[in-house]
C-alpha atoms as a PDB file:
ATOM      1  CA  MET A   1       1.362 -37.177 -15.053  1.00  0.00           C
ATOM      2  CA  ASN A   2       2.168 -37.931 -11.435  1.00  0.00           C
ATOM      3  CA  SER A   3       4.054 -41.050 -10.437  1.00  0.00           C
ATOM      4  CA  GLU A   4       2.360 -43.993  -8.761  1.00  0.00           C
ATOM      5  CA  HIS A   5       3.359 -42.911  -5.238  1.00  0.00           C
ATOM      6  CA  ASP A   6       3.192 -39.155  -5.759  1.00  0.00           C
ATOM      7  CA  ASN A   7       0.407 -37.643  -3.681  1.00  0.00           C
ATOM      8  CA  THR A   8       0.389 -34.371  -5.588  1.00  0.00           C
ATOM      9  CA  PRO A   9      -3.219 -33.501  -6.461  1.00  0.00           C
ATOM     10  CA  ARG A  10      -4.204 -34.168 -10.057  1.00  0.00           C
ATOM     11  CA  THR A  11      -6.486 -32.112 -12.206  1.00  0.00           C
ATOM     12  CA  GLU A  12      -9.729 -33.507 -13.574  1.00  0.00           C
ATOM     13  CA  ALA A  13      -8.127 -33.490 -17.026  1.00  0.00           C
ATOM     14  CA  GLU A  14      -5.258 -35.658 -15.754  1.00  0.00           C
ATOM     15  CA  TRP A  15      -7.689 -38.190 -14.259  1.00  0.00           C
ATOM     16  CA  ARG A  16      -9.646 -38.266 -17.526  1.00  0.00           C
ATOM     17  CA  ALA A  17      -6.458 -38.747 -19.543  1.00  0.00           C
ATOM     18  CA  GLN A  18      -5.495 -41.706 -17.364  1.00  0.00           C
ATOM     19  CA  ALA A  19      -8.958 -43.255 -17.718  1.00  0.00           C
ATOM     20  CA  ALA A  20      -8.839 -42.875 -21.504  1.00  0.00           C
ATOM     21  CA  GLN A  21      -5.305 -44.287 -21.644  1.00  0.00           C
ATOM     22  CA  ILE A  22      -6.259 -47.376 -19.616  1.00  0.00           C
ATOM     23  CA  LEU A  23      -9.353 -48.093 -21.714  1.00  0.00           C
ATOM     24  CA  LYS A  24      -7.534 -47.538 -25.020  1.00  0.00           C
ATOM     25  CA  ALA A  25      -4.644 -49.765 -23.891  1.00  0.00           C
ATOM     26  CA  GLU A  26      -7.021 -52.609 -23.004  1.00  0.00           C
ATOM     27  CA  LEU A  27      -8.840 -52.297 -26.308  1.00  0.00           C
ATOM     28  CA  SER A  28      -5.514 -52.338 -28.141  1.00  0.00           C
ATOM     29  CA  ARG A  29      -4.259 -55.382 -26.193  1.00  0.00           C
ATOM     30  CA  HIS A  30      -7.356 -57.252 -27.316  1.00  0.00           C
ATOM     31  CA  GLY A  31      -7.183 -55.958 -30.894  1.00  0.00           C
ATOM     32  CA  VAL A  32     -10.613 -54.332 -30.557  1.00  0.00           C
ATOM     33  CA  LYS A  33     -11.278 -51.149 -32.504  1.00  0.00           C
ATOM     34  CA  TYR A  34     -14.167 -48.776 -31.810  1.00  0.00           C
ATOM     35  CA  ALA A  35     -16.436 -50.300 -34.470  1.00  0.00           C
ATOM     36  CA  GLU A  36     -16.058 -53.745 -32.922  1.00  0.00           C
ATOM     37  CA  LEU A  37     -16.476 -52.355 -29.407  1.00  0.00           C
ATOM     38  CA  ARG A  38     -19.716 -50.744 -30.569  1.00  0.00           C
ATOM     39  CA  GLU A  39     -20.952 -54.138 -31.803  1.00  0.00           C
ATOM     40  CA  ARG A  40     -19.916 -55.872 -28.598  1.00  0.00           C
ATOM     41  CA  LEU A  41     -21.677 -53.253 -26.486  1.00  0.00           C
ATOM     42  CA  ALA A  42     -24.795 -53.597 -28.658  1.00  0.00           C
ATOM     43  CA  ALA A  43     -24.777 -57.344 -27.915  1.00  0.00           C
ATOM     44  CA  LEU A  44     -25.074 -56.364 -24.226  1.00  0.00           C
ATOM     45  CA  GLY A  45     -27.989 -54.073 -25.074  1.00  0.00           C
ATOM     46  CA  ILE A  46     -25.906 -50.887 -24.871  1.00  0.00           C
ATOM     47  CA  GLU A  47     -26.437 -48.691 -27.916  1.00  0.00           C
ATOM     48  CA  GLU A  48     -23.728 -46.162 -28.748  1.00  0.00           C
ATOM     49  CA  SER A  49     -23.078 -44.375 -32.012  1.00  0.00           C
ATOM     50  CA  TYR A  50     -19.593 -44.796 -33.409  1.00  0.00           C
ATOM     51  CA  GLY A  51     -18.917 -41.058 -33.124  1.00  0.00           C
ATOM     52  CA  GLY A  52     -20.295 -40.835 -29.601  1.00  0.00           C
ATOM     53  CA  LEU A  53     -18.243 -43.815 -28.536  1.00  0.00           C
ATOM     54  CA  ALA A  54     -15.021 -42.403 -30.014  1.00  0.00           C
ATOM     55  CA  THR A  55     -15.605 -38.982 -28.477  1.00  0.00           C
ATOM     56  CA  LYS A  56     -16.436 -40.415 -25.064  1.00  0.00           C
ATOM     57  CA  ILE A  57     -13.310 -42.576 -24.985  1.00  0.00           C
ATOM     58  CA  ASN A  58     -10.926 -40.010 -26.481  1.00  0.00           C
ATOM     59  CA  ARG A  59     -12.004 -37.350 -24.004  1.00  0.00           C
ATOM     60  CA  GLY A  60     -11.936 -39.765 -21.096  1.00  0.00           C
ATOM     61  CA  LYS A  61     -15.404 -38.556 -20.102  1.00  0.00           C
ATOM     62  CA  PHE A  62     -17.220 -41.774 -19.311  1.00  0.00           C
ATOM     63  CA  SER A  63     -18.767 -43.312 -16.252  1.00  0.00           C
ATOM     64  CA  PHE A  64     -17.313 -46.194 -14.329  1.00  0.00           C
ATOM     65  CA  THR A  65     -20.384 -48.123 -15.441  1.00  0.00           C
ATOM     66  CA  PHE A  66     -19.358 -47.605 -19.075  1.00  0.00           C
ATOM     67  CA  PHE A  67     -15.812 -48.691 -18.233  1.00  0.00           C
ATOM     68  CA  ILE A  68     -17.115 -51.919 -16.656  1.00  0.00           C
ATOM     69  CA  GLN A  69     -19.313 -52.535 -19.693  1.00  0.00           C
ATOM     70  CA  CYS A  70     -16.300 -52.168 -21.976  1.00  0.00           C
ATOM     71  CA  MET A  71     -14.209 -54.479 -19.799  1.00  0.00           C
ATOM     72  CA  THR A  72     -17.055 -57.007 -19.857  1.00  0.00           C
ATOM     73  CA  THR A  73     -16.957 -57.044 -23.670  1.00  0.00           C
ATOM     74  CA  LEU A  74     -13.250 -57.904 -23.387  1.00  0.00           C
ATOM     75  CA  ALA A  75     -13.859 -60.555 -20.702  1.00  0.00           C
ATOM     76  CA  LYS A  76     -11.534 -58.606 -18.392  1.00  0.00           C
ATOM     77  CA  THR A  77     -12.011 -59.181 -14.677  1.00  0.00           C
ATOM     78  CA  GLU A  78      -8.933 -57.326 -13.404  1.00  0.00           C
ATOM     79  CA  ILE A  79      -7.302 -54.040 -14.325  1.00  0.00           C
ATOM     80  CA  LYS A  80      -3.969 -52.770 -13.102  1.00  0.00           C
ATOM     81  CA  LEU A  81      -3.764 -49.045 -12.538  1.00  0.00           C
ATOM     82  CA  ASP A  82      -0.328 -48.024 -13.721  1.00  0.00           C
ATOM     83  CA  LYS A  83       1.365 -44.804 -12.833  1.00  0.00           C
END
């Protein structure tokens, strides 16, 4: 993956991989596994199947809205975008 200050264009797959990595890292930091994330999202009124949730996150194919919803379940208000 490109460095933080590298302006080389990235592929869509590279952007997705970074998104998935950031979300997985935050879940791990908070000790939240997919089953618990599913329950926390359900408490917000967001219904996701376990399989759909895992696939969405592992592929990095999710909307920014979904990302914010996940961060809300973790009570995260700031995210640092690493290289």
